[in-house]
Amino acid sequence: MACKKGCFRCCMAPIIDINGIEICGISWYASEKLIGDVRKTVKSQLINHRTSTQCPFLVDSICAIYTVRPITCRQFHIIGEPCGEKEDVLITRPQDIWAANRTIGKKVAIKILPFFGIHNRKKQESAFERGFIAAVSKPMHRLDMKIFYEVMELFDNV
């Protein structure tokens, strides 16, 4: 894998999908776990997120929410050479993008689907086959990141 700690090229492009469960997890983590300068930087970046394609949770080339990062971030890996500056590997090297195994994807979906009210195993498998998780996900860069900021503010003012 070319991806290592400090590698952040994919964090500079708006390609991440996120769903409601991930939004809740990130909101909780950002509000209750981020502290000090990292917290201040994230809050500033959340307010100004429309001025950049950079993920607002990227601080000093490191993911501030790594523990609760979206599934898309967890599954996006480059094989071989690290990405070049401003390289779009989706265009330049699609063959170097590691694709998650369908079995792993199904296991992840089965764990997440109860949060969407889908508890029956047959219904979970059907939802997975129909692409339910992708259908309820949105591009992260299109979210109003002020939502995260406002929740963090609530915790700061308690």
N, C-alpha and C. Protein backbone atom coordinates (compact mmCIF):
# COMPACT_ATOMS: atom_id res chain seq x y z
N MET A 1 0.83 -1.18 0.00
CA MET A 1 0.00 0.00 0.00
C MET A 1 0.88 1.25 0.00
N ALA A 2 0.51 2.19 -0.83
CA ALA A 2 1.24 3.45 -0.88
C ALA A 2 0.78 4.40 0.22
N CYS A 3 -0.43 4.19 0.72
CA CYS A 3 -1.00 5.08 1.74
C CYS A 3 -0.35 4.81 3.09
N LYS A 4 0.14 5.88 3.71
CA LYS A 4 0.79 5.80 5.02
C LYS A 4 0.35 7.00 5.86
N LYS A 5 0.66 6.98 7.15
CA LYS A 5 0.37 8.13 8.00
C LYS A 5 1.05 9.35 7.41
N GLY A 6 0.31 10.43 7.31
CA GLY A 6 0.85 11.65 6.71
C GLY A 6 0.52 11.78 5.24
N CYS A 7 0.02 10.72 4.63
CA CYS A 7 -0.44 10.78 3.24
C CYS A 7 -1.84 11.38 3.29
N PHE A 8 -2.07 12.41 2.51
CA PHE A 8 -3.36 13.11 2.61
C PHE A 8 -3.90 13.57 1.27
N ARG A 9 -3.35 13.08 0.18
CA ARG A 9 -3.77 13.56 -1.14
C ARG A 9 -5.27 13.39 -1.37
N CYS A 10 -5.83 12.25 -0.97
CA CYS A 10 -7.27 12.05 -1.19
C CYS A 10 -8.11 12.95 -0.29
N CYS A 11 -7.51 13.47 0.78
CA CYS A 11 -8.22 14.39 1.68
C CYS A 11 -8.33 15.79 1.09
N MET A 12 -7.68 16.01 -0.03
CA MET A 12 -7.69 17.32 -0.66
C MET A 12 -8.74 17.41 -1.77
N ALA A 13 -9.38 16.28 -2.06
CA ALA A 13 -10.38 16.25 -3.14
C ALA A 13 -11.73 15.83 -2.58
N PRO A 14 -12.80 16.39 -3.10
CA PRO A 14 -14.14 16.10 -2.57
C PRO A 14 -14.72 14.80 -3.13
N ILE A 15 -14.18 13.66 -2.71
CA ILE A 15 -14.63 12.38 -3.27
C ILE A 15 -15.25 11.45 -2.22
N ILE A 16 -15.43 11.91 -1.02
CA ILE A 16 -15.86 11.05 0.08
C ILE A 16 -17.38 11.09 0.25
N ASP A 17 -17.99 9.90 0.27
CA ASP A 17 -19.41 9.80 0.59
C ASP A 17 -19.55 9.54 2.08
N ILE A 18 -20.64 10.03 2.64
CA ILE A 18 -20.87 9.90 4.08
C ILE A 18 -22.37 9.68 4.31
N ASN A 19 -22.69 8.87 5.32
CA ASN A 19 -24.10 8.65 5.62
C ASN A 19 -24.42 9.17 7.03
N GLY A 20 -25.69 9.11 7.38
CA GLY A 20 -26.15 9.67 8.64
C GLY A 20 -25.49 9.09 9.88
N ILE A 21 -25.21 7.81 9.88
CA ILE A 21 -24.56 7.17 11.02
C ILE A 21 -23.15 7.72 11.18
N GLU A 22 -22.46 7.89 10.06
CA GLU A 22 -21.11 8.45 10.11
C GLU A 22 -21.14 9.90 10.57
N ILE A 23 -22.13 10.65 10.13
CA ILE A 23 -22.27 12.04 10.56
C ILE A 23 -22.44 12.10 12.08
N CYS A 24 -23.26 11.21 12.63
CA CYS A 24 -23.46 11.17 14.08
C CYS A 24 -22.15 10.85 14.81
N GLY A 25 -21.44 9.85 14.31
CA GLY A 25 -20.18 9.45 14.93
C GLY A 25 -19.13 10.56 14.88
N ILE A 26 -19.02 11.20 13.74
CA ILE A 26 -18.05 12.29 13.59
C ILE A 26 -18.43 13.47 14.47
N SER A 27 -19.71 13.78 14.52
CA SER A 27 -20.19 14.88 15.36
C SER A 27 -19.86 14.63 16.82
N TRP A 28 -20.13 13.42 17.29
CA TRP A 28 -19.81 13.06 18.67
C TRP A 28 -18.31 13.17 18.91
N TYR A 29 -17.52 12.58 18.04
CA TYR A 29 -16.07 12.55 18.23
C TYR A 29 -15.49 13.97 18.22
N ALA A 30 -15.89 14.76 17.23
CA ALA A 30 -15.37 16.13 17.12
C ALA A 30 -15.75 16.95 18.36
N SER A 31 -16.97 16.75 18.86
CA SER A 31 -17.46 17.52 20.00
C SER A 31 -16.83 17.10 21.32
N GLU A 32 -16.64 15.80 21.49
CA GLU A 32 -16.22 15.31 22.80
C GLU A 32 -14.76 14.87 22.89
N LYS A 33 -14.11 14.63 21.78
CA LYS A 33 -12.75 14.09 21.84
C LYS A 33 -11.66 15.04 21.35
N LEU A 34 -12.00 15.92 20.40
CA LEU A 34 -10.98 16.85 19.90
C LEU A 34 -10.72 17.94 20.92
N ILE A 35 -9.44 18.23 21.14
CA ILE A 35 -9.07 19.24 22.14
C ILE A 35 -7.98 20.16 21.60
N GLY A 36 -7.76 21.23 22.31
CA GLY A 36 -6.64 22.13 22.05
C GLY A 36 -6.61 22.73 20.66
N ASP A 37 -5.40 22.85 20.12
CA ASP A 37 -5.21 23.48 18.82
C ASP A 37 -5.88 22.71 17.69
N VAL A 38 -5.92 21.37 17.82
CA VAL A 38 -6.58 20.57 16.79
C VAL A 38 -8.06 20.95 16.73
N ARG A 39 -8.69 21.07 17.88
CA ARG A 39 -10.10 21.46 17.95
C ARG A 39 -10.32 22.84 17.33
N LYS A 40 -9.47 23.79 17.67
CA LYS A 40 -9.59 25.15 17.13
C LYS A 40 -9.44 25.14 15.61
N THR A 41 -8.47 24.39 15.12
CA THR A 41 -8.24 24.32 13.67
C THR A 41 -9.43 23.69 12.96
N VAL A 42 -9.93 22.59 13.50
CA VAL A 42 -11.08 21.92 12.88
C VAL A 42 -12.27 22.87 12.85
N LYS A 43 -12.55 23.55 13.95
CA LYS A 43 -13.69 24.47 13.98
C LYS A 43 -13.54 25.57 12.94
N SER A 44 -12.35 26.10 12.82
CA SER A 44 -12.10 27.14 11.81
C SER A 44 -12.32 26.60 10.40
N GLN A 45 -11.83 25.40 10.16
CA GLN A 45 -11.97 24.79 8.83
C GLN A 45 -13.42 24.42 8.53
N LEU A 46 -14.17 24.06 9.55
CA LEU A 46 -15.59 23.76 9.36
C LEU A 46 -16.35 25.01 8.92
N ILE A 47 -16.03 26.13 9.54
CA ILE A 47 -16.70 27.39 9.20
C ILE A 47 -16.34 27.81 7.77
N ASN A 48 -15.10 27.57 7.38
CA ASN A 48 -14.62 28.02 6.07
C ASN A 48 -14.56 26.91 5.02
N HIS A 49 -15.30 25.83 5.24
CA HIS A 49 -15.17 24.67 4.36
C HIS A 49 -15.51 24.93 2.90
N ARG A 50 -16.32 25.90 2.62
CA ARG A 50 -16.72 26.18 1.23
C ARG A 50 -15.60 26.84 0.42
N THR A 51 -14.53 27.27 1.09
CA THR A 51 -13.45 27.96 0.39
C THR A 51 -12.37 27.00 -0.09
N SER A 52 -12.52 25.71 0.21
CA SER A 52 -11.50 24.72 -0.14
C SER A 52 -12.14 23.37 -0.38
N THR A 53 -11.47 22.53 -1.14
CA THR A 53 -11.94 21.16 -1.31
C THR A 53 -11.32 20.24 -0.26
N GLN A 54 -10.40 20.77 0.54
CA GLN A 54 -9.75 19.98 1.59
C GLN A 54 -10.77 19.53 2.62
N CYS A 55 -10.63 18.31 3.10
CA CYS A 55 -11.47 17.83 4.19
C CYS A 55 -11.23 18.71 5.41
N PRO A 56 -12.29 19.21 6.04
CA PRO A 56 -12.10 20.10 7.19
C PRO A 56 -11.53 19.40 8.42
N PHE A 57 -11.45 18.09 8.38
CA PHE A 57 -10.90 17.35 9.51
C PHE A 57 -9.42 17.01 9.33
N LEU A 58 -8.82 17.49 8.25
CA LEU A 58 -7.39 17.29 8.01
C LEU A 58 -6.63 18.41 8.71
N VAL A 59 -5.78 18.03 9.68
CA VAL A 59 -5.01 19.02 10.44
C VAL A 59 -3.53 18.60 10.41
N ASP A 60 -2.70 19.48 9.91
CA ASP A 60 -1.26 19.20 9.81
C ASP A 60 -0.99 17.86 9.12
N SER A 61 -1.69 17.64 8.02
CA SER A 61 -1.52 16.44 7.18
C SER A 61 -1.97 15.14 7.85
N ILE A 62 -2.76 15.24 8.92
CA ILE A 62 -3.23 14.06 9.64
C ILE A 62 -4.73 14.18 9.87
N CYS A 63 -5.44 13.07 9.76
CA CYS A 63 -6.88 13.05 9.99
C CYS A 63 -7.19 13.19 11.48
N ALA A 64 -7.88 14.26 11.83
CA ALA A 64 -8.22 14.52 13.23
C ALA A 64 -9.32 13.58 13.74
N ILE A 65 -10.05 12.96 12.82
CA ILE A 65 -11.15 12.06 13.21
C ILE A 65 -10.87 10.62 12.74
N TYR A 66 -9.61 10.28 12.64
CA TYR A 66 -9.21 8.99 12.07
C TYR A 66 -9.98 7.81 12.68
N THR A 67 -10.19 7.83 13.96
CA THR A 67 -10.89 6.74 14.66
C THR A 67 -12.30 6.53 14.13
N VAL A 68 -12.97 7.61 13.71
CA VAL A 68 -14.35 7.53 13.24
C VAL A 68 -14.49 7.97 11.78
N ARG A 69 -13.41 7.91 11.04
CA ARG A 69 -13.45 8.36 9.64
C ARG A 69 -14.49 7.56 8.86
N PRO A 70 -15.05 8.16 7.80
CA PRO A 70 -16.07 7.47 7.00
C PRO A 70 -15.57 6.16 6.37
N ILE A 71 -16.51 5.30 6.06
CA ILE A 71 -16.19 4.01 5.43
C ILE A 71 -15.40 4.23 4.14
N THR A 72 -15.78 5.23 3.36
CA THR A 72 -15.08 5.50 2.11
C THR A 72 -13.60 5.74 2.37
N CYS A 73 -13.28 6.48 3.41
CA CYS A 73 -11.88 6.75 3.76
C CYS A 73 -11.17 5.46 4.18
N ARG A 74 -11.89 4.61 4.88
CA ARG A 74 -11.30 3.36 5.36
C ARG A 74 -10.98 2.41 4.21
N GLN A 75 -11.74 2.51 3.13
CA GLN A 75 -11.59 1.55 2.03
C GLN A 75 -10.82 2.08 0.83
N PHE A 76 -10.44 3.35 0.82
CA PHE A 76 -9.76 3.92 -0.33
C PHE A 76 -8.25 3.84 -0.12
N HIS A 77 -7.60 2.98 -0.89
CA HIS A 77 -6.15 2.79 -0.76
C HIS A 77 -5.52 2.73 -2.15
N ILE A 78 -4.32 3.23 -2.24
CA ILE A 78 -3.56 3.20 -3.49
C ILE A 78 -2.42 2.19 -3.34
N ILE A 79 -2.24 1.40 -4.36
CA ILE A 79 -1.18 0.40 -4.40
C ILE A 79 -0.04 0.96 -5.25
N GLY A 80 1.18 0.68 -4.85
CA GLY A 80 2.34 1.10 -5.63
C GLY A 80 2.90 2.42 -5.13
N GLU A 81 3.03 3.37 -6.03
CA GLU A 81 3.61 4.67 -5.72
C GLU A 81 2.60 5.58 -5.02
N PRO A 82 3.09 6.40 -4.08
CA PRO A 82 2.19 7.39 -3.47
C PRO A 82 1.68 8.36 -4.53
N CYS A 83 0.58 8.99 -4.26
CA CYS A 83 -0.02 9.95 -5.18
C CYS A 83 0.88 11.17 -5.32
N GLY A 84 0.92 11.70 -6.52
CA GLY A 84 1.65 12.93 -6.75
C GLY A 84 0.82 14.12 -6.32
N GLU A 85 1.50 15.24 -6.12
CA GLU A 85 0.78 16.45 -5.73
C GLU A 85 -0.24 16.82 -6.80
N LYS A 86 -1.47 17.01 -6.37
CA LYS A 86 -2.61 17.35 -7.24
C LYS A 86 -2.95 16.25 -8.25
N GLU A 87 -2.44 15.05 -8.04
CA GLU A 87 -2.79 13.93 -8.93
C GLU A 87 -4.18 13.42 -8.60
N ASP A 88 -4.96 13.15 -9.61
CA ASP A 88 -6.27 12.53 -9.44
C ASP A 88 -6.13 11.08 -9.89
N VAL A 89 -5.89 10.19 -8.92
CA VAL A 89 -5.64 8.79 -9.27
C VAL A 89 -6.84 8.11 -9.91
N LEU A 90 -8.02 8.66 -9.72
CA LEU A 90 -9.20 8.11 -10.39
C LEU A 90 -9.02 8.22 -11.91
N ILE A 91 -8.27 9.22 -12.34
CA ILE A 91 -8.02 9.42 -13.77
C ILE A 91 -6.66 8.86 -14.19
N THR A 92 -5.62 9.16 -13.42
CA THR A 92 -4.26 8.79 -13.84
C THR A 92 -3.91 7.33 -13.60
N ARG A 93 -4.41 6.74 -12.51
CA ARG A 93 -4.03 5.36 -12.18
C ARG A 93 -5.18 4.57 -11.57
N PRO A 94 -6.29 4.45 -12.26
CA PRO A 94 -7.40 3.71 -11.67
C PRO A 94 -7.04 2.26 -11.35
N GLN A 95 -6.08 1.71 -12.06
CA GLN A 95 -5.65 0.33 -11.82
C GLN A 95 -4.91 0.19 -10.49
N ASP A 96 -4.44 1.30 -9.91
CA ASP A 96 -3.72 1.27 -8.64
C ASP A 96 -4.63 1.49 -7.43
N ILE A 97 -5.92 1.62 -7.67
CA ILE A 97 -6.86 1.81 -6.56
C ILE A 97 -7.30 0.43 -6.08
N TRP A 98 -7.07 0.19 -4.79
CA TRP A 98 -7.47 -1.08 -4.21
C TRP A 98 -8.97 -1.07 -4.01
N ALA A 99 -9.62 -2.10 -4.48
CA ALA A 99 -11.08 -2.22 -4.35
C ALA A 99 -11.40 -3.16 -3.20
N ALA A 100 -12.29 -2.71 -2.35
CA ALA A 100 -12.70 -3.55 -1.22
C ALA A 100 -13.38 -4.80 -1.73
N ASN A 101 -13.10 -5.87 -1.10
CA ASN A 101 -13.69 -7.17 -1.39
C ASN A 101 -15.20 -7.11 -1.08
N ARG A 102 -16.01 -7.70 -1.93
CA ARG A 102 -17.47 -7.68 -1.77
C ARG A 102 -17.89 -8.33 -0.45
N THR A 103 -17.19 -9.36 -0.02
CA THR A 103 -17.51 -10.03 1.24
C THR A 103 -17.31 -9.08 2.42
N ILE A 104 -16.22 -8.32 2.38
CA ILE A 104 -15.95 -7.35 3.44
C ILE A 104 -17.03 -6.26 3.41
N GLY A 105 -17.37 -5.78 2.23
CA GLY A 105 -18.41 -4.77 2.10
C GLY A 105 -19.73 -5.23 2.68
N LYS A 106 -20.07 -6.48 2.45
CA LYS A 106 -21.32 -7.03 2.97
C LYS A 106 -21.28 -7.10 4.50
N LYS A 107 -20.15 -7.54 5.07
CA LYS A 107 -20.02 -7.60 6.53
C LYS A 107 -20.19 -6.22 7.15
N VAL A 108 -19.59 -5.22 6.52
CA VAL A 108 -19.71 -3.85 7.03
C VAL A 108 -21.17 -3.40 6.95
N ALA A 109 -21.81 -3.63 5.82
CA ALA A 109 -23.20 -3.23 5.63
C ALA A 109 -24.12 -3.89 6.67
N ILE A 110 -23.92 -5.17 6.91
CA ILE A 110 -24.75 -5.91 7.87
C ILE A 110 -24.62 -5.28 9.27
N LYS A 111 -23.44 -4.79 9.61
CA LYS A 111 -23.24 -4.14 10.92
C LYS A 111 -23.92 -2.77 10.98
N ILE A 112 -23.99 -2.07 9.86
CA ILE A 112 -24.54 -0.72 9.82
C ILE A 112 -26.06 -0.69 9.64
N LEU A 113 -26.60 -1.62 8.89
CA LEU A 113 -28.02 -1.58 8.53
C LEU A 113 -28.99 -1.54 9.71
N PRO A 114 -28.70 -2.16 10.86
CA PRO A 114 -29.63 -2.01 11.99
C PRO A 114 -29.83 -0.55 12.42
N PHE A 115 -28.83 0.30 12.22
CA PHE A 115 -28.98 1.71 12.56
C PHE A 115 -29.99 2.41 11.65
N PHE A 116 -30.29 1.79 10.53
CA PHE A 116 -31.29 2.31 9.61
C PHE A 116 -32.62 1.58 9.76
N GLY A 117 -32.74 0.79 10.83
CA GLY A 117 -33.99 0.09 11.11
C GLY A 117 -34.13 -1.23 10.37
N ILE A 118 -33.08 -1.72 9.77
CA ILE A 118 -33.14 -2.99 9.02
C ILE A 118 -32.44 -4.06 9.87
N HIS A 119 -33.25 -4.88 10.56
CA HIS A 119 -32.72 -5.86 11.51
C HIS A 119 -32.78 -7.30 10.98
N ASN A 120 -33.73 -7.59 10.14
CA ASN A 120 -33.90 -8.93 9.61
C ASN A 120 -32.76 -9.26 8.63
N ARG A 121 -32.13 -10.42 8.82
CA ARG A 121 -30.95 -10.79 8.01
C ARG A 121 -31.27 -10.82 6.52
N LYS A 122 -32.40 -11.39 6.14
CA LYS A 122 -32.77 -11.44 4.71
C LYS A 122 -32.95 -10.03 4.15
N LYS A 123 -33.58 -9.17 4.93
CA LYS A 123 -33.78 -7.78 4.48
C LYS A 123 -32.44 -7.03 4.41
N GLN A 124 -31.53 -7.35 5.33
CA GLN A 124 -30.20 -6.74 5.29
C GLN A 124 -29.45 -7.15 4.02
N GLU A 125 -29.51 -8.44 3.70
CA GLU A 125 -28.84 -8.92 2.49
C GLU A 125 -29.46 -8.29 1.24
N SER A 126 -30.76 -8.16 1.24
CA SER A 126 -31.44 -7.53 0.11
C SER A 126 -31.04 -6.05 0.00
N ALA A 127 -31.00 -5.36 1.14
CA ALA A 127 -30.61 -3.94 1.15
C ALA A 127 -29.18 -3.79 0.64
N PHE A 128 -28.30 -4.71 1.04
CA PHE A 128 -26.92 -4.66 0.56
C PHE A 128 -26.88 -4.83 -0.96
N GLU A 129 -27.58 -5.82 -1.46
CA GLU A 129 -27.59 -6.10 -2.90
C GLU A 129 -28.16 -4.92 -3.70
N ARG A 130 -29.10 -4.21 -3.14
CA ARG A 130 -29.71 -3.06 -3.82
C ARG A 130 -28.89 -1.78 -3.67
N GLY A 131 -27.81 -1.82 -2.87
CA GLY A 131 -26.96 -0.64 -2.70
C GLY A 131 -27.53 0.39 -1.76
N PHE A 132 -28.21 -0.08 -0.72
CA PHE A 132 -28.87 0.83 0.22
C PHE A 132 -27.91 1.84 0.84
N ILE A 133 -26.76 1.38 1.32
CA ILE A 133 -25.81 2.28 2.00
C ILE A 133 -25.38 3.40 1.05
N ALA A 134 -25.04 3.06 -0.18
CA ALA A 134 -24.65 4.09 -1.15
C ALA A 134 -25.81 5.05 -1.42
N ALA A 135 -27.02 4.52 -1.46
CA ALA A 135 -28.19 5.35 -1.76
C ALA A 135 -28.48 6.38 -0.65
N VAL A 136 -28.14 6.04 0.59
CA VAL A 136 -28.41 6.96 1.70
C VAL A 136 -27.19 7.81 2.06
N SER A 137 -26.13 7.66 1.28
CA SER A 137 -24.92 8.45 1.51
C SER A 137 -24.92 9.67 0.60
N LYS A 138 -24.18 10.70 1.03
CA LYS A 138 -24.07 11.94 0.26
C LYS A 138 -22.60 12.30 0.14
N PRO A 139 -22.25 13.05 -0.89
CA PRO A 139 -20.86 13.54 -0.96
C PRO A 139 -20.58 14.46 0.23
N MET A 140 -19.53 14.17 0.96
CA MET A 140 -19.21 14.94 2.16
C MET A 140 -19.02 16.43 1.86
N HIS A 141 -18.43 16.75 0.72
CA HIS A 141 -18.16 18.16 0.42
C HIS A 141 -19.42 18.96 0.16
N ARG A 142 -20.56 18.28 -0.01
CA ARG A 142 -21.81 19.00 -0.22
C ARG A 142 -22.59 19.24 1.07
N LEU A 143 -22.11 18.66 2.17
CA LEU A 143 -22.77 18.88 3.45
C LEU A 143 -22.47 20.28 3.96
N ASP A 144 -23.39 20.82 4.71
CA ASP A 144 -23.13 22.09 5.37
C ASP A 144 -22.35 21.75 6.65
N MET A 145 -21.06 21.93 6.60
CA MET A 145 -20.18 21.56 7.71
C MET A 145 -20.42 22.39 8.97
N LYS A 146 -21.20 23.44 8.84
CA LYS A 146 -21.50 24.26 10.01
C LYS A 146 -22.27 23.46 11.06
N ILE A 147 -22.90 22.37 10.62
CA ILE A 147 -23.62 21.49 11.56
C ILE A 147 -22.64 20.96 12.60
N PHE A 148 -21.49 20.47 12.14
CA PHE A 148 -20.47 19.96 13.06
C PHE A 148 -19.96 21.07 13.97
N TYR A 149 -19.72 22.23 13.37
CA TYR A 149 -19.23 23.39 14.12
C TYR A 149 -20.21 23.75 15.23
N GLU A 150 -21.49 23.80 14.91
CA GLU A 150 -22.50 24.20 15.88
C GLU A 150 -22.58 23.21 17.04
N VAL A 151 -22.45 21.93 16.77
CA VAL A 151 -22.47 20.94 17.84
C VAL A 151 -21.23 21.12 18.71
N MET A 152 -20.07 21.36 18.09
CA MET A 152 -18.85 21.60 18.85
C MET A 152 -19.01 22.85 19.72
N GLU A 153 -19.62 23.87 19.20
CA GLU A 153 -19.87 25.10 19.95
C GLU A 153 -20.74 24.83 21.18
N LEU A 154 -21.76 24.00 21.00
CA LEU A 154 -22.62 23.65 22.15
C LEU A 154 -21.81 23.04 23.27
N PHE A 155 -20.89 22.15 22.92
CA PHE A 155 -20.05 21.50 23.93
C PHE A 155 -19.07 22.49 24.54
N ASP A 156 -18.59 23.44 23.74
CA ASP A 156 -17.65 24.43 24.26
C ASP A 156 -18.31 25.39 25.23
N ASN A 157 -19.60 25.59 25.08
CA ASN A 157 -20.32 26.57 25.90
C ASN A 157 -21.08 25.95 27.07
N VAL A 158 -20.81 24.69 27.35
CA VAL A 158 -21.51 24.02 28.47
C VAL A 158 -20.73 24.25 29.75
